[in-house]
Each structure stands twice: as C-alpha cells, then as structure tokens.
Amino acid sequence: MNKQVIVYTTNDCIECTMVKKVLSEEGISFETRNISVNPEYQEEVEKYGFLGVPVTVVENRAVKGFTNELKDLIELAKS
C-alpha cells in the first residue's frame, strides 16, 4: 500500500509541476499543499528546514526540488 505523500507547491512553479508529473507517472497518489493559498503550509515547509518549494514528504522524510533524492523518496512511497 502506498504511503501518504505530500507535495508542497506554489503557483507557476515549473519544478513543482515536474515533481507532480513524475509522481503521477509512477502511480503515486499525493496531496498538494499550495503555500500561496495557505500560509500555514509555508510554516510546515520551514519545519522541514526548507524555505522554498517544491518539497515532497513521505513518512516525515522531506526532499526539496527535483533531484536524485526524489527517486529514493518515490521508492519509499511505493514500499
């Protein structure tokens, strides 16, 4: 069963769009939290130690951006 996945995003963020596209292609469902809409989401991002987005979270493990670490997080979400 897939684990809960959260993607923190903002409007007009190309990197955010790429992260969401890859997750969708991998068949991973995720919750999108737009920091432009809800300032509390920005606070959540900062608690993970990041200032910007995209931030992808699986089981309290957070990765910023569209990086190789995201691949590891995708595997964690699938397990």
PDB file of N, CA and C in Angstrom:
ATOM      1  N   MET A   1       0.845  -1.184   0.000  1.00  0.00           N
ATOM      2  CA  MET A   1       0.000   0.000   0.000  1.00  0.00           C
ATOM      3  C   MET A   1       0.884   1.238   0.000  1.00  0.00           C
ATOM      4  N   ASN A   2       0.505   2.216  -0.788  1.00  0.00           N
ATOM      5  CA  ASN A   2       1.280   3.450  -0.856  1.00  0.00           C
ATOM      6  C   ASN A   2       1.169   4.243   0.439  1.00  0.00           C
ATOM      7  N   LYS A   3       2.239   4.897   0.790  1.00  0.00           N
ATOM      8  CA  LYS A   3       2.271   5.745   1.971  1.00  0.00           C
ATOM      9  C   LYS A   3       1.767   7.138   1.609  1.00  0.00           C
ATOM     10  N   GLN A   4       1.396   7.930   2.634  1.00  0.00           N
ATOM     11  CA  GLN A   4       0.936   9.292   2.359  1.00  0.00           C
ATOM     12  C   GLN A   4       2.093  10.118   1.810  1.00  0.00           C
ATOM     13  N   VAL A   5       1.821  10.817   0.725  1.00  0.00           N
ATOM     14  CA  VAL A   5       2.808  11.674   0.084  1.00  0.00           C
ATOM     15  C   VAL A   5       2.214  13.074   0.006  1.00  0.00           C
ATOM     16  N   ILE A   6       3.005  14.057   0.413  1.00  0.00           N
ATOM     17  CA  ILE A   6       2.589  15.459   0.354  1.00  0.00           C
ATOM     18  C   ILE A   6       3.579  16.208  -0.524  1.00  0.00           C
ATOM     19  N   VAL A   7       3.065  17.021  -1.432  1.00  0.00           N
ATOM     20  CA  VAL A   7       3.910  17.885  -2.250  1.00  0.00           C
ATOM     21  C   VAL A   7       3.529  19.322  -1.950  1.00  0.00           C
ATOM     22  N   TYR A   8       4.481  20.058  -1.397  1.00  0.00           N
ATOM     23  CA  TYR A   8       4.294  21.494  -1.169  1.00  0.00           C
ATOM     24  C   TYR A   8       4.675  22.209  -2.451  1.00  0.00           C
ATOM     25  N   THR A   9       3.810  23.091  -2.893  1.00  0.00           N
ATOM     26  CA  THR A   9       3.970  23.720  -4.195  1.00  0.00           C
ATOM     27  C   THR A   9       3.544  25.184  -4.121  1.00  0.00           C
ATOM     28  N   THR A  10       3.670  25.865  -5.234  1.00  0.00           N
ATOM     29  CA  THR A  10       3.181  27.231  -5.359  1.00  0.00           C
ATOM     30  C   THR A  10       2.739  27.438  -6.810  1.00  0.00           C
ATOM     31  N   ASN A  11       2.112  28.537  -7.067  1.00  0.00           N
ATOM     32  CA  ASN A  11       1.633  28.821  -8.421  1.00  0.00           C
ATOM     33  C   ASN A  11       2.807  29.035  -9.372  1.00  0.00           C
ATOM     34  N   ASP A  12       2.644  28.579 -10.612  1.00  0.00           N
ATOM     35  CA  ASP A  12       3.622  28.812 -11.683  1.00  0.00           C
ATOM     36  C   ASP A  12       5.017  28.311 -11.360  1.00  0.00           C
ATOM     37  N   CYS A  13       5.097  27.164 -10.704  1.00  0.00           N
ATOM     38  CA  CYS A  13       6.389  26.570 -10.334  1.00  0.00           C
ATOM     39  C   CYS A  13       6.645  25.380 -11.257  1.00  0.00           C
ATOM     40  N   ILE A  14       7.583  25.557 -12.182  1.00  0.00           N
ATOM     41  CA  ILE A  14       7.869  24.509 -13.168  1.00  0.00           C
ATOM     42  C   ILE A  14       8.413  23.252 -12.485  1.00  0.00           C
ATOM     43  N   GLU A  15       9.312  23.439 -11.543  1.00  0.00           N
ATOM     44  CA  GLU A  15       9.890  22.291 -10.835  1.00  0.00           C
ATOM     45  C   GLU A  15       8.804  21.532 -10.059  1.00  0.00           C
ATOM     46  N   CYS A  16       7.865  22.270  -9.481  1.00  0.00           N
ATOM     47  CA  CYS A  16       6.747  21.641  -8.767  1.00  0.00           C
ATOM     48  C   CYS A  16       5.923  20.789  -9.724  1.00  0.00           C
ATOM     49  N   THR A  17       5.665  21.319 -10.894  1.00  0.00           N
ATOM     50  CA  THR A  17       4.899  20.602 -11.919  1.00  0.00           C
ATOM     51  C   THR A  17       5.618  19.321 -12.315  1.00  0.00           C
ATOM     52  N   MET A  18       6.928  19.380 -12.440  1.00  0.00           N
ATOM     53  CA  MET A  18       7.718  18.202 -12.806  1.00  0.00           C
ATOM     54  C   MET A  18       7.617  17.121 -11.728  1.00  0.00           C
ATOM     55  N   VAL A  19       7.712  17.528 -10.467  1.00  0.00           N
ATOM     56  CA  VAL A  19       7.615  16.567  -9.360  1.00  0.00           C
ATOM     57  C   VAL A  19       6.247  15.884  -9.390  1.00  0.00           C
ATOM     58  N   LYS A  20       5.191  16.666  -9.537  1.00  0.00           N
ATOM     59  CA  LYS A  20       3.839  16.100  -9.551  1.00  0.00           C
ATOM     60  C   LYS A  20       3.642  15.176 -10.759  1.00  0.00           C
ATOM     61  N   LYS A  21       4.221  15.527 -11.885  1.00  0.00           N
ATOM     62  CA  LYS A  21       4.107  14.703 -13.082  1.00  0.00           C
ATOM     63  C   LYS A  21       4.776  13.349 -12.877  1.00  0.00           C
ATOM     64  N   VAL A  22       5.978  13.349 -12.311  1.00  0.00           N
ATOM     65  CA  VAL A  22       6.703  12.098 -12.072  1.00  0.00           C
ATOM     66  C   VAL A  22       5.940  11.218 -11.085  1.00  0.00           C
ATOM     67  N   LEU A  23       5.438  11.812 -10.020  1.00  0.00           N
ATOM     68  CA  LEU A  23       4.677  11.025  -9.049  1.00  0.00           C
ATOM     69  C   LEU A  23       3.450  10.399  -9.714  1.00  0.00           C
ATOM     70  N   SER A  24       2.754  11.168 -10.532  1.00  0.00           N
ATOM     71  CA  SER A  24       1.581  10.648 -11.240  1.00  0.00           C
ATOM     72  C   SER A  24       1.966   9.511 -12.177  1.00  0.00           C
ATOM     73  N   GLU A  25       3.063   9.695 -12.909  1.00  0.00           N
ATOM     74  CA  GLU A  25       3.523   8.656 -13.833  1.00  0.00           C
ATOM     75  C   GLU A  25       3.913   7.372 -13.107  1.00  0.00           C
ATOM     76  N   GLU A  26       4.383   7.519 -11.864  1.00  0.00           N
ATOM     77  CA  GLU A  26       4.764   6.354 -11.066  1.00  0.00           C
ATOM     78  C   GLU A  26       3.560   5.734 -10.353  1.00  0.00           C
ATOM     79  N   GLY A  27       2.385   6.329 -10.530  1.00  0.00           N
ATOM     80  CA  GLY A  27       1.174   5.804  -9.913  1.00  0.00           C
ATOM     81  C   GLY A  27       1.061   6.096  -8.432  1.00  0.00           C
ATOM     82  N   ILE A  28       1.742   7.150  -7.995  1.00  0.00           N
ATOM     83  CA  ILE A  28       1.734   7.513  -6.575  1.00  0.00           C
ATOM     84  C   ILE A  28       0.749   8.655  -6.366  1.00  0.00           C
ATOM     85  N   SER A  29      -0.241   8.404  -5.516  1.00  0.00           N
ATOM     86  CA  SER A  29      -1.186   9.471  -5.203  1.00  0.00           C
ATOM     87  C   SER A  29      -0.542  10.395  -4.172  1.00  0.00           C
ATOM     88  N   PHE A  30      -0.893  11.669  -4.245  1.00  0.00           N
ATOM     89  CA  PHE A  30      -0.285  12.640  -3.348  1.00  0.00           C
ATOM     90  C   PHE A  30      -1.260  13.768  -3.059  1.00  0.00           C
ATOM     91  N   GLU A  31      -1.004  14.415  -1.938  1.00  0.00           N
ATOM     92  CA  GLU A  31      -1.759  15.604  -1.558  1.00  0.00           C
ATOM     93  C   GLU A  31      -0.926  16.822  -1.929  1.00  0.00           C
ATOM     94  N   THR A  32      -1.551  17.791  -2.564  1.00  0.00           N
ATOM     95  CA  THR A  32      -0.866  19.029  -2.931  1.00  0.00           C
ATOM     96  C   THR A  32      -1.206  20.092  -1.903  1.00  0.00           C
ATOM     97  N   ARG A  33      -0.177  20.744  -1.391  1.00  0.00           N
ATOM     98  CA  ARG A  33      -0.369  21.849  -0.439  1.00  0.00           C
ATOM     99  C   ARG A  33       0.296  23.091  -1.033  1.00  0.00           C
ATOM    100  N   ASN A  34      -0.540  24.024  -1.472  1.00  0.00           N
ATOM    101  CA  ASN A  34      -0.068  25.236  -2.131  1.00  0.00           C
ATOM    102  C   ASN A  34       0.225  26.309  -1.092  1.00  0.00           C
ATOM    103  N   ILE A  35       1.497  26.689  -0.976  1.00  0.00           N
ATOM    104  CA  ILE A  35       1.881  27.683   0.030  1.00  0.00           C
ATOM    105  C   ILE A  35       1.377  29.082  -0.315  1.00  0.00           C
ATOM    106  N   SER A  36       1.001  29.300  -1.579  1.00  0.00           N
ATOM    107  CA  SER A  36       0.447  30.604  -1.975  1.00  0.00           C
ATOM    108  C   SER A  36      -0.976  30.777  -1.453  1.00  0.00           C
ATOM    109  N   VAL A  37      -1.659  29.678  -1.266  1.00  0.00           N
ATOM    110  CA  VAL A  37      -3.052  29.701  -0.834  1.00  0.00           C
ATOM    111  C   VAL A  37      -3.166  29.690   0.686  1.00  0.00           C
ATOM    112  N   ASN A  38      -2.271  28.948   1.339  1.00  0.00           N
ATOM    113  CA  ASN A  38      -2.357  28.786   2.786  1.00  0.00           C
ATOM    114  C   ASN A  38      -0.983  29.026   3.423  1.00  0.00           C
ATOM    115  N   PRO A  39      -0.834  30.141   4.141  1.00  0.00           N
ATOM    116  CA  PRO A  39       0.461  30.456   4.766  1.00  0.00           C
ATOM    117  C   PRO A  39       0.921  29.411   5.781  1.00  0.00           C
ATOM    118  N   GLU A  40      -0.001  28.649   6.346  1.00  0.00           N
ATOM    119  CA  GLU A  40       0.387  27.599   7.292  1.00  0.00           C
ATOM    120  C   GLU A  40       1.249  26.546   6.600  1.00  0.00           C
ATOM    121  N   TYR A  41       1.015  26.329   5.311  1.00  0.00           N
ATOM    122  CA  TYR A  41       1.814  25.358   4.578  1.00  0.00           C
ATOM    123  C   TYR A  41       3.266  25.818   4.471  1.00  0.00           C
ATOM    124  N   GLN A  42       3.499  27.125   4.342  1.00  0.00           N
ATOM    125  CA  GLN A  42       4.871  27.642   4.321  1.00  0.00           C
ATOM    126  C   GLN A  42       5.561  27.338   5.639  1.00  0.00           C
ATOM    127  N   GLU A  43       4.821  27.474   6.742  1.00  0.00           N
ATOM    128  CA  GLU A  43       5.384  27.155   8.061  1.00  0.00           C
ATOM    129  C   GLU A  43       5.757  25.673   8.140  1.00  0.00           C
ATOM    130  N   GLU A  44       4.918  24.820   7.563  1.00  0.00           N
ATOM    131  CA  GLU A  44       5.220  23.383   7.558  1.00  0.00           C
ATOM    132  C   GLU A  44       6.499  23.114   6.769  1.00  0.00           C
ATOM    133  N   VAL A  45       6.652  23.774   5.618  1.00  0.00           N
ATOM    134  CA  VAL A  45       7.862  23.619   4.801  1.00  0.00           C
ATOM    135  C   VAL A  45       9.091  24.020   5.616  1.00  0.00           C
ATOM    136  N   GLU A  46       8.993  25.132   6.333  1.00  0.00           N
ATOM    137  CA  GLU A  46      10.119  25.619   7.135  1.00  0.00           C
ATOM    138  C   GLU A  46      10.461  24.657   8.266  1.00  0.00           C
ATOM    139  N   LYS A  47       9.480  23.955   8.811  1.00  0.00           N
ATOM    140  CA  LYS A  47       9.751  22.975   9.873  1.00  0.00           C
ATOM    141  C   LYS A  47      10.611  21.825   9.350  1.00  0.00           C
ATOM    142  N   TYR A  48      10.532  21.568   8.049  1.00  0.00           N
ATOM    143  CA  TYR A  48      11.392  20.551   7.442  1.00  0.00           C
ATOM    144  C   TYR A  48      12.773  21.111   7.093  1.00  0.00           C
ATOM    145  N   GLY A  49      12.973  22.403   7.328  1.00  0.00           N
ATOM    146  CA  GLY A  49      14.278  23.010   7.101  1.00  0.00           C
ATOM    147  C   GLY A  49      14.451  23.656   5.734  1.00  0.00           C
ATOM    148  N   PHE A  50      13.352  23.883   5.024  1.00  0.00           N
ATOM    149  CA  PHE A  50      13.421  24.476   3.691  1.00  0.00           C
ATOM    150  C   PHE A  50      12.672  25.799   3.658  1.00  0.00           C
ATOM    151  N   LEU A  51      13.067  26.668   2.750  1.00  0.00           N
ATOM    152  CA  LEU A  51      12.377  27.937   2.561  1.00  0.00           C
ATOM    153  C   LEU A  51      11.539  27.944   1.290  1.00  0.00           C
ATOM    154  N   GLY A  52      11.962  27.182   0.297  1.00  0.00           N
ATOM    155  CA  GLY A  52      11.274  27.182  -0.990  1.00  0.00           C
ATOM    156  C   GLY A  52      10.619  25.848  -1.290  1.00  0.00           C
ATOM    157  N   VAL A  53       9.982  25.796  -2.451  1.00  0.00           N
ATOM    158  CA  VAL A  53       9.312  24.593  -2.910  1.00  0.00           C
ATOM    159  C   VAL A  53       9.840  24.222  -4.295  1.00  0.00           C
ATOM    160  N   PRO A  54       9.629  23.041  -4.767  1.00  0.00           N
ATOM    161  CA  PRO A  54       8.782  22.000  -4.211  1.00  0.00           C
ATOM    162  C   PRO A  54       9.478  21.228  -3.085  1.00  0.00           C
ATOM    163  N   VAL A  55       8.677  20.828  -2.127  1.00  0.00           N
ATOM    164  CA  VAL A  55       9.143  19.931  -1.079  1.00  0.00           C
ATOM    165  C   VAL A  55       8.194  18.739  -1.091  1.00  0.00           C
ATOM    166  N   THR A  56       8.768  17.553  -1.199  1.00  0.00           N
ATOM    167  CA  THR A  56       7.993  16.321  -1.209  1.00  0.00           C
ATOM    168  C   THR A  56       8.262  15.590   0.100  1.00  0.00           C
ATOM    169  N   VAL A  57       7.187  15.130   0.741  1.00  0.00           N
ATOM    170  CA  VAL A  57       7.309  14.493   2.052  1.00  0.00           C
ATOM    171  C   VAL A  57       6.675  13.109   2.008  1.00  0.00           C
ATOM    172  N   VAL A  58       7.428  12.123   2.509  1.00  0.00           N
ATOM    173  CA  VAL A  58       6.929  10.765   2.708  1.00  0.00           C
ATOM    174  C   VAL A  58       7.420  10.323   4.077  1.00  0.00           C
ATOM    175  N   GLU A  59       6.492   9.950   4.962  1.00  0.00           N
ATOM    176  CA  GLU A  59       6.855   9.461   6.305  1.00  0.00           C
ATOM    177  C   GLU A  59       7.857  10.374   7.018  1.00  0.00           C
ATOM    178  N   ASN A  60       7.585  11.629   7.087  1.00  0.00           N
ATOM    179  CA  ASN A  60       8.436  12.610   7.760  1.00  0.00           C
ATOM    180  C   ASN A  60       9.817  12.772   7.139  1.00  0.00           C
ATOM    181  N   ARG A  61      10.034  12.206   5.964  1.00  0.00           N
ATOM    182  CA  ARG A  61      11.275  12.437   5.227  1.00  0.00           C
ATOM    183  C   ARG A  61      10.958  13.419   4.108  1.00  0.00           C
ATOM    184  N   ALA A  62      11.689  14.503   4.070  1.00  0.00           N
ATOM    185  CA  ALA A  62      11.406  15.566   3.109  1.00  0.00           C
ATOM    186  C   ALA A  62      12.581  15.766   2.163  1.00  0.00           C
ATOM    187  N   VAL A  63      12.236  16.027   0.903  1.00  0.00           N
ATOM    188  CA  VAL A  63      13.229  16.306  -0.130  1.00  0.00           C
ATOM    189  C   VAL A  63      12.799  17.561  -0.864  1.00  0.00           C
ATOM    190  N   LYS A  64      13.751  18.468  -1.077  1.00  0.00           N
ATOM    191  CA  LYS A  64      13.443  19.684  -1.821  1.00  0.00           C
ATOM    192  C   LYS A  64      13.894  19.526  -3.262  1.00  0.00           C
ATOM    193  N   GLY A  65      13.016  19.942  -4.153  1.00  0.00           N
ATOM    194  CA  GLY A  65      13.388  20.005  -5.559  1.00  0.00           C
ATOM    195  C   GLY A  65      13.151  18.727  -6.324  1.00  0.00           C
ATOM    196  N   PHE A  66      13.636  18.768  -7.550  1.00  0.00           N
ATOM    197  CA  PHE A  66      13.533  17.650  -8.484  1.00  0.00           C
ATOM    198  C   PHE A  66      14.936  17.080  -8.612  1.00  0.00           C
ATOM    199  N   THR A  67      15.307  16.211  -7.668  1.00  0.00           N
ATOM    200  CA  THR A  67      16.675  15.725  -7.547  1.00  0.00           C
ATOM    201  C   THR A  67      16.715  14.201  -7.507  1.00  0.00           C
ATOM    202  N   ASN A  68      17.925  13.653  -7.444  1.00  0.00           N
ATOM    203  CA  ASN A  68      18.080  12.207  -7.307  1.00  0.00           C
ATOM    204  C   ASN A  68      17.483  11.703  -5.995  1.00  0.00           C
ATOM    205  N   GLU A  69      17.496  12.552  -4.960  1.00  0.00           N
ATOM    206  CA  GLU A  69      16.897  12.156  -3.688  1.00  0.00           C
ATOM    207  C   GLU A  69      15.403  11.891  -3.853  1.00  0.00           C
ATOM    208  N   LEU A  70      14.792  12.564  -4.810  1.00  0.00           N
ATOM    209  CA  LEU A  70      13.369  12.351  -5.062  1.00  0.00           C
ATOM    210  C   LEU A  70      13.118  10.911  -5.508  1.00  0.00           C
ATOM    211  N   LYS A  71      14.040  10.347  -6.280  1.00  0.00           N
ATOM    212  CA  LYS A  71      13.907   8.946  -6.709  1.00  0.00           C
ATOM    213  C   LYS A  71      13.843   8.016  -5.510  1.00  0.00           C
ATOM    214  N   ASP A  72      14.696   8.259  -4.513  1.00  0.00           N
ATOM    215  CA  ASP A  72      14.695   7.445  -3.297  1.00  0.00           C
ATOM    216  C   ASP A  72      13.358   7.584  -2.569  1.00  0.00           C
ATOM    217  N   LEU A  73      12.837   8.793  -2.532  1.00  0.00           N
ATOM    218  CA  LEU A  73      11.570   9.052  -1.860  1.00  0.00           C
ATOM    219  C   LEU A  73      10.421   8.344  -2.586  1.00  0.00           C
ATOM    220  N   ILE A  74      10.485   8.307  -3.905  1.00  0.00           N
ATOM    221  CA  ILE A  74       9.470   7.604  -4.692  1.00  0.00           C
ATOM    222  C   ILE A  74       9.482   6.118  -4.351  1.00  0.00           C
ATOM    223  N   GLU A  75      10.665   5.545  -4.238  1.00  0.00           N
ATOM    224  CA  GLU A  75      10.770   4.123  -3.876  1.00  0.00           C
ATOM    225  C   GLU A  75      10.210   3.887  -2.473  1.00  0.00           C
ATOM    226  N   LEU A  76      10.481   4.804  -1.556  1.00  0.00           N
ATOM    227  CA  LEU A  76       9.935   4.704  -0.194  1.00  0.00           C
ATOM    228  C   LEU A  76       8.410   4.754  -0.226  1.00  0.00           C
ATOM    229  N   ALA A  77       7.867   5.632  -1.052  1.00  0.00           N
ATOM    230  CA  ALA A  77       6.414   5.755  -1.143  1.00  0.00           C
ATOM    231  C   ALA A  77       5.781   4.486  -1.709  1.00  0.00           C
ATOM    232  N   LYS A  78       6.483   3.810  -2.587  1.00  0.00           N
ATOM    233  CA  LYS A  78       5.950   2.597  -3.200  1.00  0.00           C
ATOM    234  C   LYS A  78       6.033   1.388  -2.273  1.00  0.00           C
ATOM    235  N   SER A  79       6.963   1.408  -1.332  1.00  0.00           N
ATOM    236  CA  SER A  79       7.183   0.228  -0.479  1.00  0.00           C
ATOM    237  C   SER A  79       6.101   0.035   0.564  1.00  0.00           C
TER     238      SER A  79
END
